[in-house]
Amino acid sequence: MKNLTAFKALIVLYKSITLKDIDKSAEKFPFTTNTSETVANDLTGFGSHISCILCRGIDCKDCVYNSINNDKFKLDNMCYRRDNRSTYYGINNAPGRITLKRAFKARAKHMESLLKQLS
């Protein structure tokens, strides 16, 4: 696991995002667009292997999401599958600002629970 520091930083970032932050980003990336350029991506790098702070410079097999319970790398252990699916798609499919803020908070809470499993 090579991105534990980035994982912890992302939790802090998700928890710190305000409606004002979302509104400012939504001026550039309206919620009506269906592109990779989204508010979530603009604020956190979410949804792209190139821009995500967890993904940059590492392979999925070296990610925190694949270190839970000492699992060997499996495609279903990725950040958007299995137990991680609902919070990932909560952010990915958020239709508006309030939903997105709640989704960021839910993802942070989920990530904190994963940290506890690593201890």
PDB file of N, CA and C in Angstrom:
ATOM      1  N   MET A   1       0.875  -1.167   0.000  1.00  0.00           N
ATOM      2  CA  MET A   1       0.000   0.000   0.000  1.00  0.00           C
ATOM      3  C   MET A   1       0.917   1.223   0.000  1.00  0.00           C
ATOM      4  N   LYS A   2       0.777   1.980  -1.072  1.00  0.00           N
ATOM      5  CA  LYS A   2       1.688   3.107  -1.248  1.00  0.00           C
ATOM      6  C   LYS A   2       1.027   4.470  -1.096  1.00  0.00           C
ATOM      7  N   ASN A   3      -0.271   4.504  -0.909  1.00  0.00           N
ATOM      8  CA  ASN A   3      -0.944   5.816  -0.901  1.00  0.00           C
ATOM      9  C   ASN A   3      -1.716   6.092   0.397  1.00  0.00           C
ATOM     10  N   LEU A   4      -1.242   5.576   1.500  1.00  0.00           N
ATOM     11  CA  LEU A   4      -1.928   5.784   2.773  1.00  0.00           C
ATOM     12  C   LEU A   4      -1.973   7.265   3.161  1.00  0.00           C
ATOM     13  N   THR A   5      -0.894   7.986   2.959  1.00  0.00           N
ATOM     14  CA  THR A   5      -0.870   9.412   3.282  1.00  0.00           C
ATOM     15  C   THR A   5      -1.886  10.169   2.422  1.00  0.00           C
ATOM     16  N   ALA A   6      -1.915   9.866   1.133  1.00  0.00           N
ATOM     17  CA  ALA A   6      -2.878  10.506   0.228  1.00  0.00           C
ATOM     18  C   ALA A   6      -4.308  10.123   0.599  1.00  0.00           C
ATOM     19  N   PHE A   7      -4.506   8.890   1.030  1.00  0.00           N
ATOM     20  CA  PHE A   7      -5.823   8.410   1.454  1.00  0.00           C
ATOM     21  C   PHE A   7      -6.335   9.239   2.636  1.00  0.00           C
ATOM     22  N   LYS A   8      -5.468   9.449   3.619  1.00  0.00           N
ATOM     23  CA  LYS A   8      -5.842  10.247   4.793  1.00  0.00           C
ATOM     24  C   LYS A   8      -6.098  11.703   4.406  1.00  0.00           C
ATOM     25  N   ALA A   9      -5.290  12.236   3.505  1.00  0.00           N
ATOM     26  CA  ALA A   9      -5.477  13.620   3.052  1.00  0.00           C
ATOM     27  C   ALA A   9      -6.804  13.770   2.297  1.00  0.00           C
ATOM     28  N   LEU A  10      -7.167  12.756   1.543  1.00  0.00           N
ATOM     29  CA  LEU A  10      -8.426  12.815   0.799  1.00  0.00           C
ATOM     30  C   LEU A  10      -9.632  12.794   1.736  1.00  0.00           C
ATOM     31  N   ILE A  11      -9.534  12.077   2.820  1.00  0.00           N
ATOM     32  CA  ILE A  11     -10.606  12.088   3.829  1.00  0.00           C
ATOM     33  C   ILE A  11     -10.797  13.510   4.348  1.00  0.00           C
ATOM     34  N   VAL A  12      -9.715  14.156   4.698  1.00  0.00           N
ATOM     35  CA  VAL A  12      -9.774  15.539   5.202  1.00  0.00           C
ATOM     36  C   VAL A  12     -10.375  16.456   4.131  1.00  0.00           C
ATOM     37  N   LEU A  13      -9.941  16.290   2.901  1.00  0.00           N
ATOM     38  CA  LEU A  13     -10.462  17.122   1.816  1.00  0.00           C
ATOM     39  C   LEU A  13     -11.961  16.909   1.636  1.00  0.00           C
ATOM     40  N   TYR A  14     -12.399  15.659   1.580  1.00  0.00           N
ATOM     41  CA  TYR A  14     -13.834  15.382   1.420  1.00  0.00           C
ATOM     42  C   TYR A  14     -14.656  16.022   2.536  1.00  0.00           C
ATOM     43  N   LYS A  15     -14.152  15.948   3.758  1.00  0.00           N
ATOM     44  CA  LYS A  15     -14.878  16.503   4.900  1.00  0.00           C
ATOM     45  C   LYS A  15     -14.901  18.028   4.905  1.00  0.00           C
ATOM     46  N   SER A  16     -13.932  18.640   4.255  1.00  0.00           N
ATOM     47  CA  SER A  16     -13.818  20.101   4.302  1.00  0.00           C
ATOM     48  C   SER A  16     -14.592  20.817   3.196  1.00  0.00           C
ATOM     49  N   ILE A  17     -15.067  20.099   2.211  1.00  0.00           N
ATOM     50  CA  ILE A  17     -15.744  20.741   1.078  1.00  0.00           C
ATOM     51  C   ILE A  17     -17.065  21.349   1.527  1.00  0.00           C
ATOM     52  N   THR A  18     -17.263  22.604   1.166  1.00  0.00           N
ATOM     53  CA  THR A  18     -18.471  23.337   1.538  1.00  0.00           C
ATOM     54  C   THR A  18     -19.378  23.525   0.324  1.00  0.00           C
ATOM     55  N   LEU A  19     -20.605  23.934   0.602  1.00  0.00           N
ATOM     56  CA  LEU A  19     -21.519  24.250  -0.498  1.00  0.00           C
ATOM     57  C   LEU A  19     -20.972  25.401  -1.336  1.00  0.00           C
ATOM     58  N   LYS A  20     -20.288  26.320  -0.702  1.00  0.00           N
ATOM     59  CA  LYS A  20     -19.680  27.438  -1.426  1.00  0.00           C
ATOM     60  C   LYS A  20     -18.622  26.926  -2.410  1.00  0.00           C
ATOM     61  N   ASP A  21     -17.817  25.963  -1.980  1.00  0.00           N
ATOM     62  CA  ASP A  21     -16.817  25.353  -2.872  1.00  0.00           C
ATOM     63  C   ASP A  21     -17.506  24.691  -4.067  1.00  0.00           C
ATOM     64  N   ILE A  22     -18.554  23.966  -3.776  1.00  0.00           N
ATOM     65  CA  ILE A  22     -19.292  23.270  -4.831  1.00  0.00           C
ATOM     66  C   ILE A  22     -19.913  24.273  -5.797  1.00  0.00           C
ATOM     67  N   ASP A  23     -20.512  25.315  -5.264  1.00  0.00           N
ATOM     68  CA  ASP A  23     -21.137  26.333  -6.114  1.00  0.00           C
ATOM     69  C   ASP A  23     -20.114  27.006  -7.026  1.00  0.00           C
ATOM     70  N   LYS A  24     -18.958  27.317  -6.489  1.00  0.00           N
ATOM     71  CA  LYS A  24     -17.921  27.964  -7.287  1.00  0.00           C
ATOM     72  C   LYS A  24     -17.470  27.053  -8.429  1.00  0.00           C
ATOM     73  N   SER A  25     -17.272  25.779  -8.137  1.00  0.00           N
ATOM     74  CA  SER A  25     -16.868  24.822  -9.167  1.00  0.00           C
ATOM     75  C   SER A  25     -17.986  24.601 -10.184  1.00  0.00           C
ATOM     76  N   ALA A  26     -19.221  24.610  -9.713  1.00  0.00           N
ATOM     77  CA  ALA A  26     -20.363  24.367 -10.606  1.00  0.00           C
ATOM     78  C   ALA A  26     -20.542  25.479 -11.636  1.00  0.00           C
ATOM     79  N   GLU A  27     -19.957  26.643 -11.380  1.00  0.00           N
ATOM     80  CA  GLU A  27     -19.994  27.705 -12.382  1.00  0.00           C
ATOM     81  C   GLU A  27     -19.238  27.271 -13.637  1.00  0.00           C
ATOM     82  N   LYS A  28     -18.156  26.524 -13.455  1.00  0.00           N
ATOM     83  CA  LYS A  28     -17.357  26.023 -14.578  1.00  0.00           C
ATOM     84  C   LYS A  28     -17.867  24.681 -15.106  1.00  0.00           C
ATOM     85  N   PHE A  29     -18.398  23.867 -14.207  1.00  0.00           N
ATOM     86  CA  PHE A  29     -18.808  22.504 -14.557  1.00  0.00           C
ATOM     87  C   PHE A  29     -20.231  22.251 -14.069  1.00  0.00           C
ATOM     88  N   PRO A  30     -21.222  22.731 -14.808  1.00  0.00           N
ATOM     89  CA  PRO A  30     -22.620  22.559 -14.362  1.00  0.00           C
ATOM     90  C   PRO A  30     -22.985  21.086 -14.178  1.00  0.00           C
ATOM     91  N   PHE A  31     -23.883  20.835 -13.272  1.00  0.00           N
ATOM     92  CA  PHE A  31     -24.307  19.465 -12.983  1.00  0.00           C
ATOM     93  C   PHE A  31     -25.025  18.815 -14.164  1.00  0.00           C
ATOM     94  N   THR A  32     -25.413  19.588 -15.158  1.00  0.00           N
ATOM     95  CA  THR A  32     -26.144  19.029 -16.294  1.00  0.00           C
ATOM     96  C   THR A  32     -25.236  18.374 -17.323  1.00  0.00           C
ATOM     97  N   THR A  33     -23.922  18.593 -17.246  1.00  0.00           N
ATOM     98  CA  THR A  33     -23.026  18.006 -18.240  1.00  0.00           C
ATOM     99  C   THR A  33     -22.705  16.566 -17.890  1.00  0.00           C
ATOM    100  N   ASN A  34     -22.538  15.768 -18.908  1.00  0.00           N
ATOM    101  CA  ASN A  34     -22.173  14.365 -18.718  1.00  0.00           C
ATOM    102  C   ASN A  34     -20.773  14.133 -19.279  1.00  0.00           C
ATOM    103  N   THR A  35     -19.797  14.787 -18.683  1.00  0.00           N
ATOM    104  CA  THR A  35     -18.416  14.635 -19.122  1.00  0.00           C
ATOM    105  C   THR A  35     -17.566  14.257 -17.923  1.00  0.00           C
ATOM    106  N   SER A  36     -16.298  14.011 -18.189  1.00  0.00           N
ATOM    107  CA  SER A  36     -15.385  13.709 -17.080  1.00  0.00           C
ATOM    108  C   SER A  36     -15.045  14.981 -16.309  1.00  0.00           C
ATOM    109  N   GLU A  37     -15.335  16.136 -16.882  1.00  0.00           N
ATOM    110  CA  GLU A  37     -15.090  17.402 -16.192  1.00  0.00           C
ATOM    111  C   GLU A  37     -16.292  17.722 -15.319  1.00  0.00           C
ATOM    112  N   THR A  38     -16.221  17.306 -14.076  1.00  0.00           N
ATOM    113  CA  THR A  38     -17.326  17.474 -13.144  1.00  0.00           C
ATOM    114  C   THR A  38     -16.879  18.293 -11.946  1.00  0.00           C
ATOM    115  N   VAL A  39     -17.823  18.699 -11.156  1.00  0.00           N
ATOM    116  CA  VAL A  39     -17.519  19.410  -9.918  1.00  0.00           C
ATOM    117  C   VAL A  39     -16.635  18.530  -9.028  1.00  0.00           C
ATOM    118  N   ALA A  40     -16.987  17.271  -8.883  1.00  0.00           N
ATOM    119  CA  ALA A  40     -16.206  16.369  -8.028  1.00  0.00           C
ATOM    120  C   ALA A  40     -14.779  16.238  -8.536  1.00  0.00           C
ATOM    121  N   ASN A  41     -14.604  16.134  -9.826  1.00  0.00           N
ATOM    122  CA  ASN A  41     -13.266  16.029 -10.392  1.00  0.00           C
ATOM    123  C   ASN A  41     -12.497  17.328 -10.201  1.00  0.00           C
ATOM    124  N   ASP A  42     -13.166  18.441 -10.390  1.00  0.00           N
ATOM    125  CA  ASP A  42     -12.525  19.742 -10.218  1.00  0.00           C
ATOM    126  C   ASP A  42     -12.061  19.948  -8.778  1.00  0.00           C
ATOM    127  N   LEU A  43     -12.876  19.555  -7.817  1.00  0.00           N
ATOM    128  CA  LEU A  43     -12.559  19.786  -6.400  1.00  0.00           C
ATOM    129  C   LEU A  43     -11.551  18.795  -5.827  1.00  0.00           C
ATOM    130  N   THR A  44     -11.590  17.551  -6.302  1.00  0.00           N
ATOM    131  CA  THR A  44     -10.794  16.511  -5.642  1.00  0.00           C
ATOM    132  C   THR A  44      -9.998  15.610  -6.585  1.00  0.00           C
ATOM    133  N   GLY A  45     -10.190  15.748  -7.877  1.00  0.00           N
ATOM    134  CA  GLY A  45      -9.559  14.820  -8.812  1.00  0.00           C
ATOM    135  C   GLY A  45     -10.369  13.553  -8.984  1.00  0.00           C
ATOM    136  N   PHE A  46     -11.540  13.487  -8.386  1.00  0.00           N
ATOM    137  CA  PHE A  46     -12.386  12.295  -8.360  1.00  0.00           C
ATOM    138  C   PHE A  46     -12.701  11.772  -9.762  1.00  0.00           C
ATOM    139  N   GLY A  47     -12.631  10.462  -9.905  1.00  0.00           N
ATOM    140  CA  GLY A  47     -13.145   9.787 -11.083  1.00  0.00           C
ATOM    141  C   GLY A  47     -12.179   9.612 -12.237  1.00  0.00           C
ATOM    142  N   SER A  48     -10.940   9.996 -12.052  1.00  0.00           N
ATOM    143  CA  SER A  48      -9.970   9.851 -13.128  1.00  0.00           C
ATOM    144  C   SER A  48      -8.658   9.325 -12.565  1.00  0.00           C
ATOM    145  N   HIS A  49      -8.151   8.288 -13.177  1.00  0.00           N
ATOM    146  CA  HIS A  49      -6.883   7.709 -12.736  1.00  0.00           C
ATOM    147  C   HIS A  49      -5.752   8.728 -12.881  1.00  0.00           C
ATOM    148  N   ILE A  50      -5.925   9.677 -13.762  1.00  0.00           N
ATOM    149  CA  ILE A  50      -4.897  10.691 -14.002  1.00  0.00           C
ATOM    150  C   ILE A  50      -4.935  11.786 -12.930  1.00  0.00           C
ATOM    151  N   SER A  51      -6.124  12.181 -12.505  1.00  0.00           N
ATOM    152  CA  SER A  51      -6.231  13.318 -11.593  1.00  0.00           C
ATOM    153  C   SER A  51      -6.444  12.948 -10.123  1.00  0.00           C
ATOM    154  N   CYS A  52      -6.883  11.753  -9.832  1.00  0.00           N
ATOM    155  CA  CYS A  52      -7.151  11.347  -8.449  1.00  0.00           C
ATOM    156  C   CYS A  52      -5.857  11.290  -7.642  1.00  0.00           C
ATOM    157  N   ILE A  53      -5.858  11.900  -6.465  1.00  0.00           N
ATOM    158  CA  ILE A  53      -4.627  11.916  -5.666  1.00  0.00           C
ATOM    159  C   ILE A  53      -4.258  10.516  -5.157  1.00  0.00           C
ATOM    160  N   LEU A  54      -5.202   9.612  -5.112  1.00  0.00           N
ATOM    161  CA  LEU A  54      -4.879   8.241  -4.706  1.00  0.00           C
ATOM    162  C   LEU A  54      -4.249   7.448  -5.845  1.00  0.00           C
ATOM    163  N   CYS A  55      -4.636   7.758  -7.052  1.00  0.00           N
ATOM    164  CA  CYS A  55      -4.217   6.977  -8.215  1.00  0.00           C
ATOM    165  C   CYS A  55      -2.892   7.422  -8.821  1.00  0.00           C
ATOM    166  N   ARG A  56      -2.588   8.699  -8.695  1.00  0.00           N
ATOM    167  CA  ARG A  56      -1.391   9.221  -9.370  1.00  0.00           C
ATOM    168  C   ARG A  56      -0.128   8.511  -8.903  1.00  0.00           C
ATOM    169  N   GLY A  57       0.565   7.946  -9.862  1.00  0.00           N
ATOM    170  CA  GLY A  57       1.859   7.349  -9.582  1.00  0.00           C
ATOM    171  C   GLY A  57       1.843   5.948  -8.994  1.00  0.00           C
ATOM    172  N   ILE A  58       0.674   5.342  -8.840  1.00  0.00           N
ATOM    173  CA  ILE A  58       0.642   3.972  -8.315  1.00  0.00           C
ATOM    174  C   ILE A  58      -0.311   3.112  -9.141  1.00  0.00           C
ATOM    175  N   ASP A  59      -0.144   1.824  -9.018  1.00  0.00           N
ATOM    176  CA  ASP A  59      -1.066   0.869  -9.630  1.00  0.00           C
ATOM    177  C   ASP A  59      -2.161   0.542  -8.628  1.00  0.00           C
ATOM    178  N   CYS A  60      -3.307   0.123  -9.118  1.00  0.00           N
ATOM    179  CA  CYS A  60      -4.431  -0.229  -8.242  1.00  0.00           C
ATOM    180  C   CYS A  60      -4.039  -1.294  -7.214  1.00  0.00           C
ATOM    181  N   LYS A  61      -3.149  -2.184  -7.582  1.00  0.00           N
ATOM    182  CA  LYS A  61      -2.750  -3.246  -6.643  1.00  0.00           C
ATOM    183  C   LYS A  61      -2.034  -2.697  -5.413  1.00  0.00           C
ATOM    184  N   ASP A  62      -1.512  -1.473  -5.515  1.00  0.00           N
ATOM    185  CA  ASP A  62      -0.791  -0.858  -4.402  1.00  0.00           C
ATOM    186  C   ASP A  62      -1.648   0.128  -3.607  1.00  0.00           C
ATOM    187  N   CYS A  63      -2.921   0.183  -3.896  1.00  0.00           N
ATOM    188  CA  CYS A  63      -3.827   1.155  -3.279  1.00  0.00           C
ATOM    189  C   CYS A  63      -4.343   0.661  -1.920  1.00  0.00           C
ATOM    190  N   VAL A  64      -4.673   1.618  -1.068  1.00  0.00           N
ATOM    191  CA  VAL A  64      -5.265   1.297   0.231  1.00  0.00           C
ATOM    192  C   VAL A  64      -6.498   0.417   0.057  1.00  0.00           C
ATOM    193  N   TYR A  65      -7.314   0.707  -0.942  1.00  0.00           N
ATOM    194  CA  TYR A  65      -8.538  -0.071  -1.146  1.00  0.00           C
ATOM    195  C   TYR A  65      -8.253  -1.555  -1.357  1.00  0.00           C
ATOM    196  N   ASN A  66      -7.050  -1.900  -1.795  1.00  0.00           N
ATOM    197  CA  ASN A  66      -6.679  -3.299  -1.982  1.00  0.00           C
ATOM    198  C   ASN A  66      -5.874  -3.858  -0.820  1.00  0.00           C
ATOM    199  N   SER A  67      -5.767  -3.103   0.252  1.00  0.00           N
ATOM    200  CA  SER A  67      -5.013  -3.553   1.422  1.00  0.00           C
ATOM    201  C   SER A  67      -5.916  -3.894   2.600  1.00  0.00           C
ATOM    202  N   ILE A  68      -7.194  -3.679   2.452  1.00  0.00           N
ATOM    203  CA  ILE A  68      -8.131  -3.955   3.535  1.00  0.00           C
ATOM    204  C   ILE A  68      -8.181  -5.463   3.786  1.00  0.00           C
ATOM    205  N   ASN A  69      -8.087  -5.845   5.017  1.00  0.00           N
ATOM    206  CA  ASN A  69      -8.098  -7.257   5.424  1.00  0.00           C
ATOM    207  C   ASN A  69      -7.006  -8.076   4.743  1.00  0.00           C
ATOM    208  N   ASN A  70      -5.904  -7.413   4.401  1.00  0.00           N
ATOM    209  CA  ASN A  70      -4.777  -8.080   3.743  1.00  0.00           C
ATOM    210  C   ASN A  70      -5.181  -8.849   2.487  1.00  0.00           C
ATOM    211  N   ASP A  71      -6.202  -8.340   1.804  1.00  0.00           N
ATOM    212  CA  ASP A  71      -6.634  -8.986   0.562  1.00  0.00           C
ATOM    213  C   ASP A  71      -5.525  -8.919  -0.474  1.00  0.00           C
ATOM    214  N   LYS A  72      -5.412  -9.982  -1.242  1.00  0.00           N
ATOM    215  CA  LYS A  72      -4.565  -9.942  -2.425  1.00  0.00           C
ATOM    216  C   LYS A  72      -5.299  -9.098  -3.450  1.00  0.00           C
ATOM    217  N   PHE A  73      -4.577  -8.541  -4.392  1.00  0.00           N
ATOM    218  CA  PHE A  73      -5.209  -7.700  -5.402  1.00  0.00           C
ATOM    219  C   PHE A  73      -6.256  -8.502  -6.166  1.00  0.00           C
ATOM    220  N   LYS A  74      -7.447  -7.949  -6.181  1.00  0.00           N
ATOM    221  CA  LYS A  74      -8.552  -8.514  -6.956  1.00  0.00           C
ATOM    222  C   LYS A  74      -9.249  -7.340  -7.613  1.00  0.00           C
ATOM    223  N   LEU A  75      -9.749  -7.541  -8.795  1.00  0.00           N
ATOM    224  CA  LEU A  75     -10.440  -6.447  -9.471  1.00  0.00           C
ATOM    225  C   LEU A  75     -11.648  -5.957  -8.681  1.00  0.00           C
ATOM    226  N   ASP A  76     -12.285  -6.840  -7.866  1.00  0.00           N
ATOM    227  CA  ASP A  76     -13.449  -6.341  -7.122  1.00  0.00           C
ATOM    228  C   ASP A  76     -13.091  -5.575  -5.861  1.00  0.00           C
ATOM    229  N   ASN A  77     -11.836  -5.428  -5.529  1.00  0.00           N
ATOM    230  CA  ASN A  77     -11.447  -4.640  -4.359  1.00  0.00           C
ATOM    231  C   ASN A  77     -11.186  -3.182  -4.698  1.00  0.00           C
ATOM    232  N   MET A  78     -11.404  -2.806  -5.919  1.00  0.00           N
ATOM    233  CA  MET A  78     -11.069  -1.454  -6.355  1.00  0.00           C
ATOM    234  C   MET A  78     -11.987  -0.418  -5.707  1.00  0.00           C
ATOM    235  N   CYS A  79     -11.609   0.853  -5.827  1.00  0.00           N
ATOM    236  CA  CYS A  79     -12.291   1.957  -5.147  1.00  0.00           C
ATOM    237  C   CYS A  79     -13.760   2.112  -5.534  1.00  0.00           C
ATOM    238  N   TYR A  80     -14.159   1.557  -6.643  1.00  0.00           N
ATOM    239  CA  TYR A  80     -15.535   1.716  -7.109  1.00  0.00           C
ATOM    240  C   TYR A  80     -16.311   0.400  -7.140  1.00  0.00           C
ATOM    241  N   ARG A  81     -15.811  -0.603  -6.465  1.00  0.00           N
ATOM    242  CA  ARG A  81     -16.489  -1.902  -6.443  1.00  0.00           C
ATOM    243  C   ARG A  81     -16.723  -2.374  -5.016  1.00  0.00           C
ATOM    244  N   ARG A  82     -17.485  -3.438  -4.894  1.00  0.00           N
ATOM    245  CA  ARG A  82     -17.808  -4.076  -3.609  1.00  0.00           C
ATOM    246  C   ARG A  82     -18.306  -3.068  -2.592  1.00  0.00           C
ATOM    247  N   ASP A  83     -17.738  -3.077  -1.402  1.00  0.00           N
ATOM    248  CA  ASP A  83     -18.191  -2.194  -0.323  1.00  0.00           C
ATOM    249  C   ASP A  83     -17.956  -0.716  -0.624  1.00  0.00           C
ATOM    250  N   ASN A  84     -17.117  -0.434  -1.598  1.00  0.00           N
ATOM    251  CA  ASN A  84     -16.789   0.947  -1.953  1.00  0.00           C
ATOM    252  C   ASN A  84     -17.750   1.525  -2.990  1.00  0.00           C
ATOM    253  N   ARG A  85     -18.549   0.690  -3.577  1.00  0.00           N
ATOM    254  CA  ARG A  85     -19.405   1.060  -4.705  1.00  0.00           C
ATOM    255  C   ARG A  85     -20.415   2.165  -4.377  1.00  0.00           C
ATOM    256  N   SER A  86     -21.140   2.012  -3.299  1.00  0.00           N
ATOM    257  CA  SER A  86     -22.238   2.952  -3.043  1.00  0.00           C
ATOM    258  C   SER A  86     -21.721   4.374  -2.804  1.00  0.00           C
ATOM    259  N   THR A  87     -20.619   4.521  -2.086  1.00  0.00           N
ATOM    260  CA  THR A  87     -20.124   5.876  -1.843  1.00  0.00           C
ATOM    261  C   THR A  87     -19.430   6.449  -3.079  1.00  0.00           C
ATOM    262  N   TYR A  88     -18.802   5.604  -3.873  1.00  0.00           N
ATOM    263  CA  TYR A  88     -18.186   6.076  -5.117  1.00  0.00           C
ATOM    264  C   TYR A  88     -19.257   6.611  -6.057  1.00  0.00           C
ATOM    265  N   TYR A  89     -20.278   5.802  -6.281  1.00  0.00           N
ATOM    266  CA  TYR A  89     -21.327   6.225  -7.210  1.00  0.00           C
ATOM    267  C   TYR A  89     -22.231   7.303  -6.614  1.00  0.00           C
ATOM    268  N   GLY A  90     -22.231   7.419  -5.303  1.00  0.00           N
ATOM    269  CA  GLY A  90     -22.936   8.533  -4.680  1.00  0.00           C
ATOM    270  C   GLY A  90     -22.341   9.860  -5.128  1.00  0.00           C
ATOM    271  N   ILE A  91     -21.018   9.918  -5.176  1.00  0.00           N
ATOM    272  CA  ILE A  91     -20.341  11.118  -5.673  1.00  0.00           C
ATOM    273  C   ILE A  91     -20.498  11.226  -7.183  1.00  0.00           C
ATOM    274  N   ASN A  92     -20.238  10.143  -7.858  1.00  0.00           N
ATOM    275  CA  ASN A  92     -20.258  10.129  -9.319  1.00  0.00           C
ATOM    276  C   ASN A  92     -21.617  10.544  -9.895  1.00  0.00           C
ATOM    277  N   ASN A  93     -22.690  10.143  -9.239  1.00  0.00           N
ATOM    278  CA  ASN A  93     -24.033  10.375  -9.776  1.00  0.00           C
ATOM    279  C   ASN A  93     -24.804  11.473  -9.053  1.00  0.00           C
ATOM    280  N   ALA A  94     -24.130  12.250  -8.222  1.00  0.00           N
ATOM    281  CA  ALA A  94     -24.826  13.303  -7.467  1.00  0.00           C
ATOM    282  C   ALA A  94     -25.460  14.311  -8.434  1.00  0.00           C
ATOM    283  N   PRO A  95     -26.765  14.526  -8.322  1.00  0.00           N
ATOM    284  CA  PRO A  95     -27.449  15.414  -9.261  1.00  0.00           C
ATOM    285  C   PRO A  95     -27.376  16.893  -8.901  1.00  0.00           C
ATOM    286  N   GLY A  96     -26.902  17.201  -7.699  1.00  0.00           N
ATOM    287  CA  GLY A  96     -26.885  18.601  -7.283  1.00  0.00           C
ATOM    288  C   GLY A  96     -25.952  18.833  -6.124  1.00  0.00           C
ATOM    289  N   ARG A  97     -25.880  20.053  -5.719  1.00  0.00           N
ATOM    290  CA  ARG A  97     -24.897  20.511  -4.732  1.00  0.00           C
ATOM    291  C   ARG A  97     -25.062  19.880  -3.358  1.00  0.00           C
ATOM    292  N   ILE A  98     -26.286  19.812  -2.869  1.00  0.00           N
ATOM    293  CA  ILE A  98     -26.506  19.249  -1.533  1.00  0.00           C
ATOM    294  C   ILE A  98     -26.242  17.749  -1.539  1.00  0.00           C
ATOM    295  N   THR A  99     -26.699  17.090  -2.570  1.00  0.00           N
ATOM    296  CA  THR A  99     -26.455  15.650  -2.701  1.00  0.00           C
ATOM    297  C   THR A  99     -24.960  15.363  -2.799  1.00  0.00           C
ATOM    298  N   LEU A 100     -24.250  16.187  -3.539  1.00  0.00           N
ATOM    299  CA  LEU A 100     -22.806  15.987  -3.679  1.00  0.00           C
ATOM    300  C   LEU A 100     -22.090  16.205  -2.351  1.00  0.00           C
ATOM    301  N   LYS A 101     -22.466  17.222  -1.629  1.00  0.00           N
ATOM    302  CA  LYS A 101     -21.834  17.457  -0.327  1.00  0.00           C
ATOM    303  C   LYS A 101     -22.072  16.268   0.599  1.00  0.00           C
ATOM    304  N   ARG A 102     -23.301  15.762   0.638  1.00  0.00           N
ATOM    305  CA  ARG A 102     -23.595  14.577   1.458  1.00  0.00           C
ATOM    306  C   ARG A 102     -22.786  13.373   0.988  1.00  0.00           C
ATOM    307  N   ALA A 103     -22.636  13.237  -0.324  1.00  0.00           N
ATOM    308  CA  ALA A 103     -21.890  12.106  -0.881  1.00  0.00           C
ATOM    309  C   ALA A 103     -20.411  12.184  -0.488  1.00  0.00           C
ATOM    310  N   PHE A 104     -19.834  13.381  -0.512  1.00  0.00           N
ATOM    311  CA  PHE A 104     -18.446  13.538  -0.059  1.00  0.00           C
ATOM    312  C   PHE A 104     -18.309  13.142   1.407  1.00  0.00           C
ATOM    313  N   LYS A 105     -19.248  13.558   2.227  1.00  0.00           N
ATOM    314  CA  LYS A 105     -19.205  13.225   3.661  1.00  0.00           C
ATOM    315  C   LYS A 105     -19.350  11.715   3.869  1.00  0.00           C
ATOM    316  N   ALA A 106     -20.244  11.098   3.099  1.00  0.00           N
ATOM    317  CA  ALA A 106     -20.444   9.644   3.217  1.00  0.00           C
ATOM    318  C   ALA A 106     -19.188   8.885   2.798  1.00  0.00           C
ATOM    319  N   ARG A 107     -18.539   9.361   1.733  1.00  0.00           N
ATOM    320  CA  ARG A 107     -17.311   8.704   1.273  1.00  0.00           C
ATOM    321  C   ARG A 107     -16.219   8.851   2.328  1.00  0.00           C
ATOM    322  N   ALA A 108     -16.101  10.023   2.922  1.00  0.00           N
ATOM    323  CA  ALA A 108     -15.104  10.235   3.972  1.00  0.00           C
ATOM    324  C   ALA A 108     -15.358   9.294   5.152  1.00  0.00           C
ATOM    325  N   LYS A 109     -16.606   9.165   5.544  1.00  0.00           N
ATOM    326  CA  LYS A 109     -16.952   8.273   6.660  1.00  0.00           C
ATOM    327  C   LYS A 109     -16.613   6.821   6.308  1.00  0.00           C
ATOM    328  N   HIS A 110     -16.909   6.418   5.086  1.00  0.00           N
ATOM    329  CA  HIS A 110     -16.583   5.065   4.626  1.00  0.00           C
ATOM    330  C   HIS A 110     -15.064   4.851   4.646  1.00  0.00           C
ATOM    331  N   MET A 111     -14.323   5.837   4.161  1.00  0.00           N
ATOM    332  CA  MET A 111     -12.870   5.726   4.140  1.00  0.00           C
ATOM    333  C   MET A 111     -12.300   5.647   5.556  1.00  0.00           C
ATOM    334  N   GLU A 112     -12.880   6.389   6.480  1.00  0.00           N
ATOM    335  CA  GLU A 112     -12.443   6.308   7.879  1.00  0.00           C
ATOM    336  C   GLU A 112     -12.681   4.906   8.435  1.00  0.00           C
ATOM    337  N   SER A 113     -13.787   4.293   8.065  1.00  0.00           N
ATOM    338  CA  SER A 113     -14.051   2.927   8.537  1.00  0.00           C
ATOM    339  C   SER A 113     -13.030   1.949   7.956  1.00  0.00           C
ATOM    340  N   LEU A 114     -12.579   2.209   6.742  1.00  0.00           N
ATOM    341  CA  LEU A 114     -11.541   1.353   6.149  1.00  0.00           C
ATOM    342  C   LEU A 114     -10.212   1.514   6.877  1.00  0.00           C
ATOM    343  N   LEU A 115      -9.909   2.731   7.287  1.00  0.00           N
ATOM    344  CA  LEU A 115      -8.677   2.958   8.055  1.00  0.00           C
ATOM    345  C   LEU A 115      -8.675   2.144   9.348  1.00  0.00           C
ATOM    346  N   LYS A 116      -9.826   2.084   9.991  1.00  0.00           N
ATOM    347  CA  LYS A 116      -9.921   1.300  11.229  1.00  0.00           C
ATOM    348  C   LYS A 116      -9.632  -0.173  10.978  1.00  0.00           C
ATOM    349  N   GLN A 117     -10.040  -0.665   9.803  1.00  0.00           N
ATOM    350  CA  GLN A 117      -9.785  -2.069   9.475  1.00  0.00           C
ATOM    351  C   GLN A 117      -8.304  -2.329   9.229  1.00  0.00           C
ATOM    352  N   LEU A 118      -7.561  -1.297   8.867  1.00  0.00           N
ATOM    353  CA  LEU A 118      -6.128  -1.455   8.636  1.00  0.00           C
ATOM    354  C   LEU A 118      -5.337  -1.543   9.922  1.00  0.00           C
ATOM    355  N   SER A 119      -5.916  -1.064  11.020  1.00  0.00           N
ATOM    356  CA  SER A 119      -5.201  -1.036  12.298  1.00  0.00           C
ATOM    357  C   SER A 119      -5.062  -2.408  12.904  1.00  0.00           C
TER     358      SER A 119
END
